[in-house]
Amino acid sequence: MAKPPEKPCAGKRPARPTPEELALFRAVMSDAAPIPRRRKAAAPADEPVATTPPPAKRKAPAAVPRPVPVPAPAARPKAPPLEAGVAAGVDRRTMDRLRKGTMRPEGTIDLHGMTAAAAHRALGTFLSGAQAAGKRCVLVITGKGSLKEGGGVIRRELPAWLNAPENRGRVLGFSQAKPGDGGGGAFYVLLKRARDGGAGPKLRG
């Protein structure tokens, strides 16, 4: 009776196959076909991710220099309104001479008998020409009119005409004339000195 093969002792290496065993193994395996290896599927290429380009930076608009505010020219002080015998734009001494008639008229205009419109135009032309001619004091005859109604139309309107913009720049003051020069129907008018000389309409007196 054959003895069973001895079990290798623990810790010992297994015995190497004999040449007969190797030849037998090779003969058996000569007809075996090798198992084809499976190719690994290629990893799908990552699809390119569509990227949105960042928005282009807008250039800040160039700063427009602010215009430097130009100060408005100072307005000329408004001349006070003229009143008969009141020293508004002239010293008191000069006004006293005008009231007393010691400052003699260098020219005269007679508006008595004219219409108000004609008298107004004639007065402006006369004052402009008198100033251009270098006259300082002139006599304006208005006529007395009805004293109950404050005098005639021309006499009542004369202060307003002298204060009108076209005449106010030429006149320094006015006062009722002395009796020898017409009294209540005439007025002395004091003119500003002209900056430039010039010929005006022919003056009486």
N, C-alpha and C. Protein backbone atom coordinates (compact mmCIF):
# COMPACT_ATOMS: atom_id res chain seq x y z
N MET A 1 0.87 -1.18 0.00
CA MET A 1 0.00 0.00 0.00
C MET A 1 0.90 1.21 0.00
N ALA A 2 0.53 2.17 -0.98
CA ALA A 2 1.41 3.34 -1.16
C ALA A 2 1.19 4.33 -0.05
N LYS A 3 2.25 5.01 0.34
CA LYS A 3 2.16 6.02 1.40
C LYS A 3 1.65 7.33 0.81
N PRO A 4 0.80 7.96 1.51
CA PRO A 4 0.32 9.30 1.02
C PRO A 4 1.46 10.27 1.02
N PRO A 5 1.38 11.22 0.07
CA PRO A 5 2.50 12.19 -0.03
C PRO A 5 2.61 12.98 1.25
N GLU A 6 3.85 13.17 1.59
CA GLU A 6 4.08 13.93 2.84
C GLU A 6 3.80 15.41 2.62
N LYS A 7 3.14 15.92 3.58
CA LYS A 7 2.83 17.37 3.55
C LYS A 7 4.08 18.15 3.85
N PRO A 8 4.28 19.18 3.08
CA PRO A 8 5.50 19.98 3.34
C PRO A 8 5.40 20.59 4.71
N CYS A 9 6.52 20.57 5.34
CA CYS A 9 6.55 21.16 6.67
C CYS A 9 6.43 22.66 6.55
N ALA A 10 5.78 23.20 7.55
CA ALA A 10 5.61 24.66 7.57
C ALA A 10 6.96 25.30 7.62
N GLY A 11 7.09 26.36 6.84
CA GLY A 11 8.34 27.11 6.83
C GLY A 11 9.29 26.65 5.76
N LYS A 12 8.98 25.51 5.03
CA LYS A 12 9.85 25.03 3.98
C LYS A 12 9.36 25.49 2.64
N ARG A 13 10.25 25.77 1.68
CA ARG A 13 9.89 26.18 0.33
C ARG A 13 9.34 24.98 -0.42
N PRO A 14 8.32 25.21 -1.34
CA PRO A 14 7.83 24.07 -2.14
C PRO A 14 8.92 23.58 -3.07
N ALA A 15 8.87 22.28 -3.37
CA ALA A 15 9.91 21.66 -4.21
C ALA A 15 9.79 22.13 -5.63
N ARG A 16 10.89 22.32 -6.35
CA ARG A 16 10.89 22.74 -7.74
C ARG A 16 10.39 21.60 -8.61
N PRO A 17 9.65 21.93 -9.73
CA PRO A 17 9.17 20.85 -10.61
C PRO A 17 10.36 20.17 -11.29
N THR A 18 10.16 18.92 -11.48
CA THR A 18 11.21 18.13 -12.12
C THR A 18 11.19 18.38 -13.61
N PRO A 19 12.22 18.02 -14.36
CA PRO A 19 12.22 18.21 -15.82
C PRO A 19 11.08 17.47 -16.49
N GLU A 20 10.70 16.29 -15.95
CA GLU A 20 9.59 15.55 -16.55
C GLU A 20 8.29 16.31 -16.40
N GLU A 21 8.14 16.95 -15.20
CA GLU A 21 6.90 17.72 -14.96
C GLU A 21 6.86 18.95 -15.86
N LEU A 22 7.95 19.60 -16.09
CA LEU A 22 7.96 20.78 -16.95
C LEU A 22 7.65 20.40 -18.39
N ALA A 23 8.19 19.22 -18.84
CA ALA A 23 7.93 18.81 -20.21
C ALA A 23 6.46 18.48 -20.40
N LEU A 24 5.87 17.81 -19.38
CA LEU A 24 4.46 17.49 -19.46
C LEU A 24 3.61 18.77 -19.50
N PHE A 25 3.98 19.76 -18.70
CA PHE A 25 3.21 21.01 -18.65
C PHE A 25 3.29 21.75 -19.98
N ARG A 26 4.46 21.72 -20.58
CA ARG A 26 4.60 22.41 -21.86
C ARG A 26 3.81 21.71 -22.97
N ALA A 27 3.78 20.36 -22.91
CA ALA A 27 3.02 19.62 -23.93
C ALA A 27 1.54 19.93 -23.83
N VAL A 28 1.06 20.03 -22.59
CA VAL A 28 -0.38 20.31 -22.39
C VAL A 28 -0.70 21.74 -22.84
N MET A 29 0.15 22.64 -22.60
CA MET A 29 -0.13 24.05 -22.88
C MET A 29 0.18 24.43 -24.31
N SER A 30 0.77 23.50 -25.09
CA SER A 30 1.11 23.88 -26.47
C SER A 30 -0.12 24.11 -27.32
N ASP A 31 -1.21 23.44 -27.02
CA ASP A 31 -2.44 23.61 -27.81
C ASP A 31 -3.33 24.74 -27.28
N ALA A 32 -3.00 25.27 -26.17
CA ALA A 32 -3.88 26.32 -25.59
C ALA A 32 -3.62 27.66 -26.30
N ALA A 33 -4.72 28.29 -26.69
CA ALA A 33 -4.62 29.63 -27.35
C ALA A 33 -4.64 30.72 -26.27
N PRO A 34 -3.79 31.69 -26.45
CA PRO A 34 -3.80 32.78 -25.44
C PRO A 34 -5.09 33.59 -25.47
N ILE A 35 -5.54 33.90 -24.32
CA ILE A 35 -6.77 34.72 -24.22
C ILE A 35 -6.43 36.16 -24.62
N PRO A 36 -7.18 36.68 -25.63
CA PRO A 36 -6.87 38.08 -26.05
C PRO A 36 -7.17 39.08 -24.93
N ARG A 37 -6.25 39.95 -24.79
CA ARG A 37 -6.46 40.99 -23.77
C ARG A 37 -7.44 42.06 -24.26
N ARG A 38 -8.28 42.45 -23.38
CA ARG A 38 -9.23 43.52 -23.72
C ARG A 38 -8.51 44.88 -23.67
N ARG A 39 -8.72 45.60 -24.77
CA ARG A 39 -8.15 46.94 -24.79
C ARG A 39 -8.99 47.90 -23.95
N LYS A 40 -8.29 48.63 -23.22
CA LYS A 40 -9.01 49.62 -22.41
C LYS A 40 -9.61 50.67 -23.33
N ALA A 41 -10.88 50.91 -23.09
CA ALA A 41 -11.55 51.96 -23.88
C ALA A 41 -10.89 53.30 -23.62
N ALA A 42 -10.63 53.93 -24.72
CA ALA A 42 -9.98 55.25 -24.57
C ALA A 42 -10.92 56.20 -23.85
N ALA A 43 -10.35 56.86 -22.94
CA ALA A 43 -11.17 57.84 -22.18
C ALA A 43 -11.66 58.93 -23.13
N PRO A 44 -12.95 59.23 -23.10
CA PRO A 44 -13.47 60.29 -24.00
C PRO A 44 -12.76 61.60 -23.75
N ALA A 45 -12.38 62.17 -24.86
CA ALA A 45 -11.69 63.47 -24.73
C ALA A 45 -12.64 64.49 -24.15
N ASP A 46 -12.11 65.24 -23.25
CA ASP A 46 -12.95 66.29 -22.64
C ASP A 46 -13.35 67.30 -23.71
N GLU A 47 -14.65 67.49 -23.80
CA GLU A 47 -15.14 68.48 -24.76
C GLU A 47 -14.75 69.87 -24.28
N PRO A 48 -14.31 70.68 -25.20
CA PRO A 48 -13.93 72.04 -24.78
C PRO A 48 -15.15 72.80 -24.25
N VAL A 49 -14.97 73.36 -23.12
CA VAL A 49 -16.05 74.13 -22.52
C VAL A 49 -16.04 75.53 -23.12
N ALA A 50 -17.21 75.88 -23.63
CA ALA A 50 -17.31 77.21 -24.24
C ALA A 50 -17.18 78.26 -23.15
N THR A 51 -16.22 79.10 -23.31
CA THR A 51 -16.02 80.16 -22.31
C THR A 51 -16.38 81.50 -22.92
N THR A 52 -17.11 82.29 -22.17
CA THR A 52 -17.50 83.62 -22.63
C THR A 52 -16.38 84.60 -22.31
N PRO A 53 -15.87 85.28 -23.32
CA PRO A 53 -14.78 86.23 -23.03
C PRO A 53 -15.29 87.35 -22.13
N PRO A 54 -14.46 87.79 -21.21
CA PRO A 54 -14.90 88.87 -20.32
C PRO A 54 -15.21 90.12 -21.12
N PRO A 55 -16.22 90.85 -20.69
CA PRO A 55 -16.57 92.08 -21.43
C PRO A 55 -15.41 93.06 -21.43
N ALA A 56 -15.25 93.66 -22.58
CA ALA A 56 -14.15 94.63 -22.70
C ALA A 56 -14.43 95.82 -21.80
N LYS A 57 -13.39 96.25 -21.15
CA LYS A 57 -13.54 97.39 -20.25
C LYS A 57 -13.72 98.66 -21.07
N ARG A 58 -14.79 99.38 -20.71
CA ARG A 58 -15.04 100.64 -21.41
C ARG A 58 -14.15 101.73 -20.83
N LYS A 59 -13.59 102.47 -21.75
CA LYS A 59 -12.75 103.56 -21.29
C LYS A 59 -13.63 104.67 -20.70
N ALA A 60 -13.21 105.14 -19.58
CA ALA A 60 -13.95 106.23 -18.95
C ALA A 60 -13.87 107.47 -19.83
N PRO A 61 -15.00 108.16 -20.03
CA PRO A 61 -14.95 109.36 -20.87
C PRO A 61 -14.01 110.40 -20.28
N ALA A 62 -13.32 111.07 -21.17
CA ALA A 62 -12.38 112.09 -20.72
C ALA A 62 -13.12 113.19 -20.00
N ALA A 63 -12.57 113.61 -18.91
CA ALA A 63 -13.20 114.66 -18.12
C ALA A 63 -13.20 115.97 -18.90
N VAL A 64 -14.39 116.55 -19.02
CA VAL A 64 -14.51 117.82 -19.73
C VAL A 64 -14.31 118.94 -18.72
N PRO A 65 -13.34 119.81 -18.95
CA PRO A 65 -13.13 120.89 -17.97
C PRO A 65 -14.34 121.79 -17.89
N ARG A 66 -14.74 122.09 -16.67
CA ARG A 66 -15.88 122.98 -16.49
C ARG A 66 -15.48 124.42 -16.76
N PRO A 67 -16.35 125.13 -17.47
CA PRO A 67 -16.00 126.53 -17.73
C PRO A 67 -15.96 127.33 -16.44
N VAL A 68 -14.97 128.18 -16.37
CA VAL A 68 -14.83 129.02 -15.18
C VAL A 68 -15.90 130.11 -15.24
N PRO A 69 -16.75 130.19 -14.22
CA PRO A 69 -17.80 131.22 -14.27
C PRO A 69 -17.21 132.62 -14.29
N VAL A 70 -17.70 133.40 -15.20
CA VAL A 70 -17.24 134.79 -15.31
C VAL A 70 -18.18 135.66 -14.51
N PRO A 71 -17.66 136.38 -13.55
CA PRO A 71 -18.56 137.23 -12.75
C PRO A 71 -19.23 138.28 -13.62
N ALA A 72 -20.49 138.48 -13.37
CA ALA A 72 -21.24 139.48 -14.12
C ALA A 72 -20.73 140.87 -13.74
N PRO A 73 -20.68 141.76 -14.71
CA PRO A 73 -20.22 143.11 -14.38
C PRO A 73 -21.14 143.76 -13.36
N ALA A 74 -20.54 144.46 -12.47
CA ALA A 74 -21.33 145.11 -11.42
C ALA A 74 -22.26 146.14 -12.04
N ALA A 75 -23.52 146.04 -11.64
CA ALA A 75 -24.50 146.98 -12.17
C ALA A 75 -24.26 148.37 -11.59
N ARG A 76 -24.43 149.35 -12.42
CA ARG A 76 -24.28 150.72 -11.95
C ARG A 76 -25.40 151.05 -10.98
N PRO A 77 -25.06 151.76 -9.93
CA PRO A 77 -26.13 152.16 -9.00
C PRO A 77 -27.14 153.05 -9.70
N LYS A 78 -28.39 152.77 -9.45
CA LYS A 78 -29.44 153.53 -10.10
C LYS A 78 -29.46 154.95 -9.55
N ALA A 79 -29.51 155.89 -10.48
CA ALA A 79 -29.51 157.29 -10.06
C ALA A 79 -30.84 157.62 -9.37
N PRO A 80 -30.80 158.40 -8.30
CA PRO A 80 -32.05 158.76 -7.61
C PRO A 80 -32.91 159.64 -8.51
N PRO A 81 -34.21 159.57 -8.36
CA PRO A 81 -35.08 160.41 -9.20
C PRO A 81 -34.88 161.89 -8.91
N LEU A 82 -35.00 162.67 -9.95
CA LEU A 82 -34.83 164.12 -9.82
C LEU A 82 -36.13 164.77 -9.36
N GLU A 83 -36.00 165.74 -8.49
CA GLU A 83 -37.14 166.54 -8.03
C GLU A 83 -36.74 168.00 -8.11
N ALA A 84 -37.70 168.86 -8.41
CA ALA A 84 -37.41 170.29 -8.58
C ALA A 84 -36.84 170.87 -7.29
N GLY A 85 -35.68 171.51 -7.40
CA GLY A 85 -35.05 172.18 -6.27
C GLY A 85 -34.35 171.28 -5.28
N VAL A 86 -34.28 169.97 -5.52
CA VAL A 86 -33.65 169.03 -4.59
C VAL A 86 -32.28 168.63 -5.13
N ALA A 87 -31.28 168.73 -4.24
CA ALA A 87 -29.91 168.38 -4.65
C ALA A 87 -29.74 166.88 -4.54
N ALA A 88 -29.95 166.16 -5.65
CA ALA A 88 -29.81 164.70 -5.65
C ALA A 88 -28.46 164.28 -6.20
N GLY A 89 -28.08 164.80 -7.36
CA GLY A 89 -26.82 164.40 -7.97
C GLY A 89 -25.80 165.52 -8.00
N VAL A 90 -25.95 166.50 -7.15
CA VAL A 90 -25.05 167.65 -7.16
C VAL A 90 -24.91 168.17 -5.73
N ASP A 91 -23.81 168.86 -5.45
CA ASP A 91 -23.61 169.37 -4.09
C ASP A 91 -24.58 170.52 -3.81
N ARG A 92 -24.81 170.76 -2.52
CA ARG A 92 -25.80 171.76 -2.10
C ARG A 92 -25.45 173.17 -2.58
N ARG A 93 -24.17 173.51 -2.56
CA ARG A 93 -23.78 174.85 -2.97
C ARG A 93 -24.14 175.12 -4.42
N THR A 94 -23.85 174.13 -5.28
CA THR A 94 -24.19 174.28 -6.70
C THR A 94 -25.69 174.37 -6.88
N MET A 95 -26.44 173.58 -6.09
CA MET A 95 -27.90 173.61 -6.22
C MET A 95 -28.47 174.95 -5.76
N ASP A 96 -27.86 175.54 -4.74
CA ASP A 96 -28.32 176.86 -4.28
C ASP A 96 -28.11 177.91 -5.37
N ARG A 97 -27.00 177.84 -6.07
CA ARG A 97 -26.74 178.78 -7.17
C ARG A 97 -27.77 178.60 -8.28
N LEU A 98 -28.15 177.31 -8.52
CA LEU A 98 -29.14 177.06 -9.58
C LEU A 98 -30.50 177.62 -9.17
N ARG A 99 -30.91 177.41 -7.93
CA ARG A 99 -32.22 177.88 -7.47
C ARG A 99 -32.30 179.42 -7.47
N LYS A 100 -31.21 180.03 -7.08
CA LYS A 100 -31.21 181.51 -6.97
C LYS A 100 -31.01 182.20 -8.31
N GLY A 101 -30.69 181.45 -9.35
CA GLY A 101 -30.51 182.05 -10.66
C GLY A 101 -29.17 182.69 -10.87
N THR A 102 -28.23 182.46 -9.92
CA THR A 102 -26.89 183.04 -10.10
C THR A 102 -26.06 182.26 -11.11
N MET A 103 -26.48 181.02 -11.39
CA MET A 103 -25.85 180.23 -12.46
C MET A 103 -26.67 180.50 -13.72
N ARG A 104 -26.15 181.37 -14.56
CA ARG A 104 -26.93 181.87 -15.68
C ARG A 104 -27.08 180.83 -16.80
N PRO A 105 -28.28 180.72 -17.39
CA PRO A 105 -28.50 179.78 -18.49
C PRO A 105 -27.64 180.12 -19.70
N GLU A 106 -27.12 179.09 -20.32
CA GLU A 106 -26.31 179.24 -21.54
C GLU A 106 -27.10 178.88 -22.79
N GLY A 107 -28.33 178.50 -22.62
CA GLY A 107 -29.19 178.16 -23.75
C GLY A 107 -30.62 178.08 -23.28
N THR A 108 -31.58 178.25 -24.18
CA THR A 108 -33.01 178.25 -23.84
C THR A 108 -33.79 177.51 -24.91
N ILE A 109 -34.82 176.79 -24.47
CA ILE A 109 -35.78 176.17 -25.39
C ILE A 109 -37.18 176.49 -24.90
N ASP A 110 -38.04 176.86 -25.80
CA ASP A 110 -39.42 177.22 -25.47
C ASP A 110 -40.36 176.12 -25.97
N LEU A 111 -40.93 175.36 -25.02
CA LEU A 111 -41.84 174.25 -25.37
C LEU A 111 -43.30 174.69 -25.32
N HIS A 112 -43.56 175.93 -24.89
CA HIS A 112 -44.93 176.43 -24.73
C HIS A 112 -45.66 176.42 -26.07
N GLY A 113 -46.84 175.84 -26.08
CA GLY A 113 -47.66 175.79 -27.29
C GLY A 113 -47.49 174.52 -28.10
N MET A 114 -46.51 173.68 -27.76
CA MET A 114 -46.33 172.41 -28.48
C MET A 114 -47.24 171.34 -27.90
N THR A 115 -47.47 170.29 -28.69
CA THR A 115 -48.15 169.11 -28.14
C THR A 115 -47.18 168.40 -27.20
N ALA A 116 -47.71 167.56 -26.33
CA ALA A 116 -46.86 166.86 -25.36
C ALA A 116 -45.83 166.00 -26.08
N ALA A 117 -46.25 165.28 -27.13
CA ALA A 117 -45.33 164.40 -27.84
C ALA A 117 -44.23 165.20 -28.51
N ALA A 118 -44.59 166.30 -29.16
CA ALA A 118 -43.60 167.13 -29.84
C ALA A 118 -42.65 167.77 -28.84
N ALA A 119 -43.20 168.21 -27.69
CA ALA A 119 -42.37 168.85 -26.67
C ALA A 119 -41.38 167.85 -26.07
N HIS A 120 -41.83 166.60 -25.89
CA HIS A 120 -40.95 165.56 -25.34
C HIS A 120 -39.77 165.31 -26.28
N ARG A 121 -40.04 165.19 -27.57
CA ARG A 121 -38.96 164.94 -28.53
C ARG A 121 -38.02 166.14 -28.61
N ALA A 122 -38.60 167.33 -28.64
CA ALA A 122 -37.77 168.54 -28.74
C ALA A 122 -36.87 168.70 -27.52
N LEU A 123 -37.39 168.35 -26.34
CA LEU A 123 -36.59 168.48 -25.13
C LEU A 123 -35.38 167.54 -25.19
N GLY A 124 -35.59 166.29 -25.61
CA GLY A 124 -34.47 165.35 -25.68
C GLY A 124 -33.40 165.81 -26.65
N THR A 125 -33.82 166.30 -27.81
CA THR A 125 -32.86 166.78 -28.80
C THR A 125 -32.09 167.98 -28.27
N PHE A 126 -32.82 168.88 -27.59
CA PHE A 126 -32.19 170.09 -27.06
C PHE A 126 -31.15 169.75 -25.98
N LEU A 127 -31.52 168.87 -25.04
CA LEU A 127 -30.59 168.53 -23.96
C LEU A 127 -29.34 167.82 -24.50
N SER A 128 -29.54 166.93 -25.47
CA SER A 128 -28.41 166.21 -26.06
C SER A 128 -27.45 167.19 -26.74
N GLY A 129 -28.00 168.10 -27.50
CA GLY A 129 -27.15 169.07 -28.20
C GLY A 129 -26.48 170.03 -27.24
N ALA A 130 -27.19 170.44 -26.17
CA ALA A 130 -26.60 171.38 -25.21
C ALA A 130 -25.43 170.72 -24.47
N GLN A 131 -25.60 169.47 -24.10
CA GLN A 131 -24.50 168.78 -23.41
C GLN A 131 -23.31 168.60 -24.33
N ALA A 132 -23.58 168.21 -25.59
CA ALA A 132 -22.48 168.02 -26.55
C ALA A 132 -21.74 169.33 -26.80
N ALA A 133 -22.45 170.45 -26.68
CA ALA A 133 -21.82 171.76 -26.90
C ALA A 133 -21.12 172.27 -25.65
N GLY A 134 -21.16 171.52 -24.56
CA GLY A 134 -20.47 171.93 -23.34
C GLY A 134 -21.27 172.84 -22.45
N LYS A 135 -22.58 172.96 -22.68
CA LYS A 135 -23.42 173.81 -21.83
C LYS A 135 -23.62 173.14 -20.49
N ARG A 136 -23.69 173.93 -19.41
CA ARG A 136 -23.94 173.40 -18.07
C ARG A 136 -25.34 173.73 -17.58
N CYS A 137 -25.79 174.95 -17.80
CA CYS A 137 -27.11 175.36 -17.33
C CYS A 137 -27.93 175.87 -18.52
N VAL A 138 -29.16 175.35 -18.64
CA VAL A 138 -30.07 175.77 -19.72
C VAL A 138 -31.43 176.10 -19.11
N LEU A 139 -32.21 176.88 -19.85
CA LEU A 139 -33.54 177.28 -19.40
C LEU A 139 -34.58 176.60 -20.28
N VAL A 140 -35.55 175.93 -19.65
CA VAL A 140 -36.62 175.24 -20.37
C VAL A 140 -37.93 175.96 -20.03
N ILE A 141 -38.54 176.57 -21.04
CA ILE A 141 -39.81 177.28 -20.84
C ILE A 141 -40.95 176.31 -21.14
N THR A 142 -41.83 176.10 -20.15
CA THR A 142 -42.95 175.17 -20.30
C THR A 142 -44.29 175.89 -20.40
N GLY A 143 -44.37 177.13 -19.90
CA GLY A 143 -45.66 177.80 -19.77
C GLY A 143 -46.31 177.39 -18.46
N LYS A 144 -47.10 178.31 -17.89
CA LYS A 144 -47.68 178.02 -16.58
C LYS A 144 -48.91 177.12 -16.67
N GLY A 145 -49.79 177.39 -17.63
CA GLY A 145 -51.01 176.62 -17.69
C GLY A 145 -51.91 176.94 -16.52
N SER A 146 -52.85 176.07 -16.21
CA SER A 146 -53.77 176.27 -15.09
C SER A 146 -53.10 175.81 -13.80
N LEU A 147 -52.84 176.76 -12.92
CA LEU A 147 -52.16 176.41 -11.66
C LEU A 147 -53.03 175.52 -10.79
N LYS A 148 -54.38 175.60 -10.94
CA LYS A 148 -55.27 174.74 -10.14
C LYS A 148 -55.06 173.27 -10.50
N GLU A 149 -54.70 173.02 -11.72
CA GLU A 149 -54.47 171.64 -12.18
C GLU A 149 -53.00 171.27 -12.12
N GLY A 150 -52.21 172.08 -11.43
CA GLY A 150 -50.77 171.78 -11.35
C GLY A 150 -50.01 172.30 -12.54
N GLY A 151 -50.59 173.22 -13.30
CA GLY A 151 -49.93 173.78 -14.48
C GLY A 151 -50.38 173.03 -15.73
N GLY A 152 -49.86 173.48 -16.86
CA GLY A 152 -50.19 172.85 -18.12
C GLY A 152 -49.58 171.45 -18.23
N VAL A 153 -49.96 170.76 -19.31
CA VAL A 153 -49.48 169.38 -19.50
C VAL A 153 -47.96 169.33 -19.56
N ILE A 154 -47.35 170.25 -20.30
CA ILE A 154 -45.89 170.21 -20.46
C ILE A 154 -45.21 170.48 -19.13
N ARG A 155 -45.76 171.42 -18.36
CA ARG A 155 -45.16 171.73 -17.05
C ARG A 155 -45.25 170.52 -16.11
N ARG A 156 -46.39 169.84 -16.14
CA ARG A 156 -46.56 168.67 -15.26
C ARG A 156 -45.67 167.51 -15.68
N GLU A 157 -45.48 167.37 -17.00
CA GLU A 157 -44.72 166.22 -17.50
C GLU A 157 -43.21 166.44 -17.49
N LEU A 158 -42.76 167.67 -17.35
CA LEU A 158 -41.32 167.93 -17.43
C LEU A 158 -40.49 167.09 -16.45
N PRO A 159 -40.87 166.95 -15.15
CA PRO A 159 -40.06 166.10 -14.26
C PRO A 159 -39.93 164.66 -14.75
N ALA A 160 -41.03 164.11 -15.29
CA ALA A 160 -40.96 162.73 -15.80
C ALA A 160 -40.06 162.65 -17.02
N TRP A 161 -40.10 163.65 -17.88
CA TRP A 161 -39.26 163.64 -19.06
C TRP A 161 -37.78 163.75 -18.68
N LEU A 162 -37.48 164.56 -17.69
CA LEU A 162 -36.08 164.69 -17.26
C LEU A 162 -35.57 163.42 -16.60
N ASN A 163 -36.48 162.64 -15.99
CA ASN A 163 -36.09 161.38 -15.35
C ASN A 163 -36.11 160.19 -16.30
N ALA A 164 -36.55 160.40 -17.54
CA ALA A 164 -36.58 159.31 -18.52
C ALA A 164 -35.16 158.85 -18.82
N PRO A 165 -34.98 157.54 -19.14
CA PRO A 165 -33.61 157.01 -19.36
C PRO A 165 -32.80 157.81 -20.38
N GLU A 166 -33.43 158.32 -21.42
CA GLU A 166 -32.66 159.02 -22.46
C GLU A 166 -32.17 160.39 -21.98
N ASN A 167 -32.76 160.93 -20.90
CA ASN A 167 -32.36 162.24 -20.41
C ASN A 167 -31.69 162.20 -19.03
N ARG A 168 -32.03 161.18 -18.22
CA ARG A 168 -31.53 161.16 -16.84
C ARG A 168 -30.01 161.12 -16.78
N GLY A 169 -29.38 160.48 -17.74
CA GLY A 169 -27.92 160.41 -17.73
C GLY A 169 -27.24 161.73 -18.03
N ARG A 170 -28.00 162.70 -18.50
CA ARG A 170 -27.42 164.01 -18.83
C ARG A 170 -27.69 165.06 -17.78
N VAL A 171 -28.69 164.84 -16.94
CA VAL A 171 -29.18 165.88 -16.04
C VAL A 171 -28.72 165.63 -14.61
N LEU A 172 -28.22 166.69 -13.96
CA LEU A 172 -27.83 166.61 -12.55
C LEU A 172 -28.93 167.14 -11.62
N GLY A 173 -29.71 168.08 -12.08
CA GLY A 173 -30.77 168.63 -11.25
C GLY A 173 -31.53 169.72 -12.02
N PHE A 174 -32.66 170.15 -11.45
CA PHE A 174 -33.42 171.24 -12.07
C PHE A 174 -34.18 171.98 -10.97
N SER A 175 -34.54 173.20 -11.27
CA SER A 175 -35.24 174.03 -10.30
C SER A 175 -36.09 175.06 -11.03
N GLN A 176 -37.18 175.49 -10.37
CA GLN A 176 -38.04 176.51 -10.98
C GLN A 176 -37.25 177.80 -11.15
N ALA A 177 -37.50 178.47 -12.27
CA ALA A 177 -36.76 179.70 -12.60
C ALA A 177 -37.21 180.87 -11.75
N LYS A 178 -36.37 181.85 -11.66
CA LYS A 178 -36.71 183.09 -10.96
C LYS A 178 -37.69 183.88 -11.84
N PRO A 179 -38.46 184.80 -11.23
CA PRO A 179 -39.46 185.56 -12.01
C PRO A 179 -38.88 186.23 -13.26
N GLY A 180 -37.66 186.71 -13.20
CA GLY A 180 -37.09 187.38 -14.36
C GLY A 180 -36.81 186.44 -15.52
N ASP A 181 -36.77 185.13 -15.25
CA ASP A 181 -36.51 184.14 -16.30
C ASP A 181 -37.74 183.31 -16.65
N GLY A 182 -38.90 183.70 -16.13
CA GLY A 182 -40.12 182.97 -16.47
C GLY A 182 -40.88 182.49 -15.26
N GLY A 183 -40.27 182.52 -14.06
CA GLY A 183 -40.97 182.14 -12.84
C GLY A 183 -41.53 180.73 -12.91
N GLY A 184 -42.84 180.58 -12.56
CA GLY A 184 -43.48 179.27 -12.52
C GLY A 184 -43.65 178.61 -13.87
N GLY A 185 -43.37 179.30 -14.96
CA GLY A 185 -43.53 178.72 -16.30
C GLY A 185 -42.21 178.34 -16.94
N ALA A 186 -41.13 178.29 -16.16
CA ALA A 186 -39.82 177.95 -16.72
C ALA A 186 -38.97 177.27 -15.64
N PHE A 187 -37.94 176.54 -16.12
CA PHE A 187 -37.08 175.78 -15.19
C PHE A 187 -35.62 175.87 -15.64
N TYR A 188 -34.75 176.00 -14.63
CA TYR A 188 -33.32 175.87 -14.88
C TYR A 188 -32.98 174.37 -14.86
N VAL A 189 -32.18 173.95 -15.79
CA VAL A 189 -31.74 172.54 -15.85
C VAL A 189 -30.22 172.52 -15.86
N LEU A 190 -29.64 171.78 -14.90
CA LEU A 190 -28.19 171.65 -14.80
C LEU A 190 -27.75 170.36 -15.47
N LEU A 191 -26.84 170.47 -16.43
CA LEU A 191 -26.39 169.30 -17.21
C LEU A 191 -25.03 168.81 -16.73
N LYS A 192 -24.79 167.52 -16.93
CA LYS A 192 -23.48 166.95 -16.65
C LYS A 192 -22.50 167.41 -17.72
N ARG A 193 -21.23 167.43 -17.36
CA ARG A 193 -20.21 167.79 -18.34
C ARG A 193 -20.09 166.68 -19.38
N ALA A 194 -19.99 167.08 -20.63
CA ALA A 194 -19.86 166.10 -21.71
C ALA A 194 -18.44 165.55 -21.74
N ARG A 195 -18.31 164.26 -21.96
CA ARG A 195 -16.97 163.65 -22.09
C ARG A 195 -16.33 164.03 -23.41
N ASP A 196 -17.16 164.10 -24.44
CA ASP A 196 -16.65 164.46 -25.77
C ASP A 196 -17.42 165.68 -26.26
N GLY A 197 -16.70 166.60 -26.85
CA GLY A 197 -17.39 167.76 -27.41
C GLY A 197 -18.08 167.40 -28.69
N GLY A 198 -18.90 168.28 -29.19
CA GLY A 198 -19.61 168.03 -30.44
C GLY A 198 -20.59 169.13 -30.69
N ALA A 199 -20.97 169.29 -31.93
CA ALA A 199 -21.91 170.34 -32.28
C ALA A 199 -23.32 169.83 -32.13
N GLY A 200 -24.19 170.63 -31.55
CA GLY A 200 -25.59 170.28 -31.37
C GLY A 200 -26.44 171.28 -32.10
N PRO A 201 -27.78 171.21 -31.91
CA PRO A 201 -28.67 172.16 -32.55
C PRO A 201 -28.40 173.57 -32.02
N LYS A 202 -28.72 174.55 -32.79
CA LYS A 202 -28.49 175.95 -32.41
C LYS A 202 -29.35 176.29 -31.21
N LEU A 203 -28.74 176.88 -30.17
CA LEU A 203 -29.42 177.22 -28.94
C LEU A 203 -29.70 178.71 -28.90
N ARG A 204 -30.81 179.07 -28.25
CA ARG A 204 -31.15 180.47 -28.05
C ARG A 204 -30.51 180.99 -26.78
N GLY A 205 -30.14 182.23 -26.74
CA GLY A 205 -29.72 182.88 -25.50
C GLY A 205 -28.23 182.96 -25.36
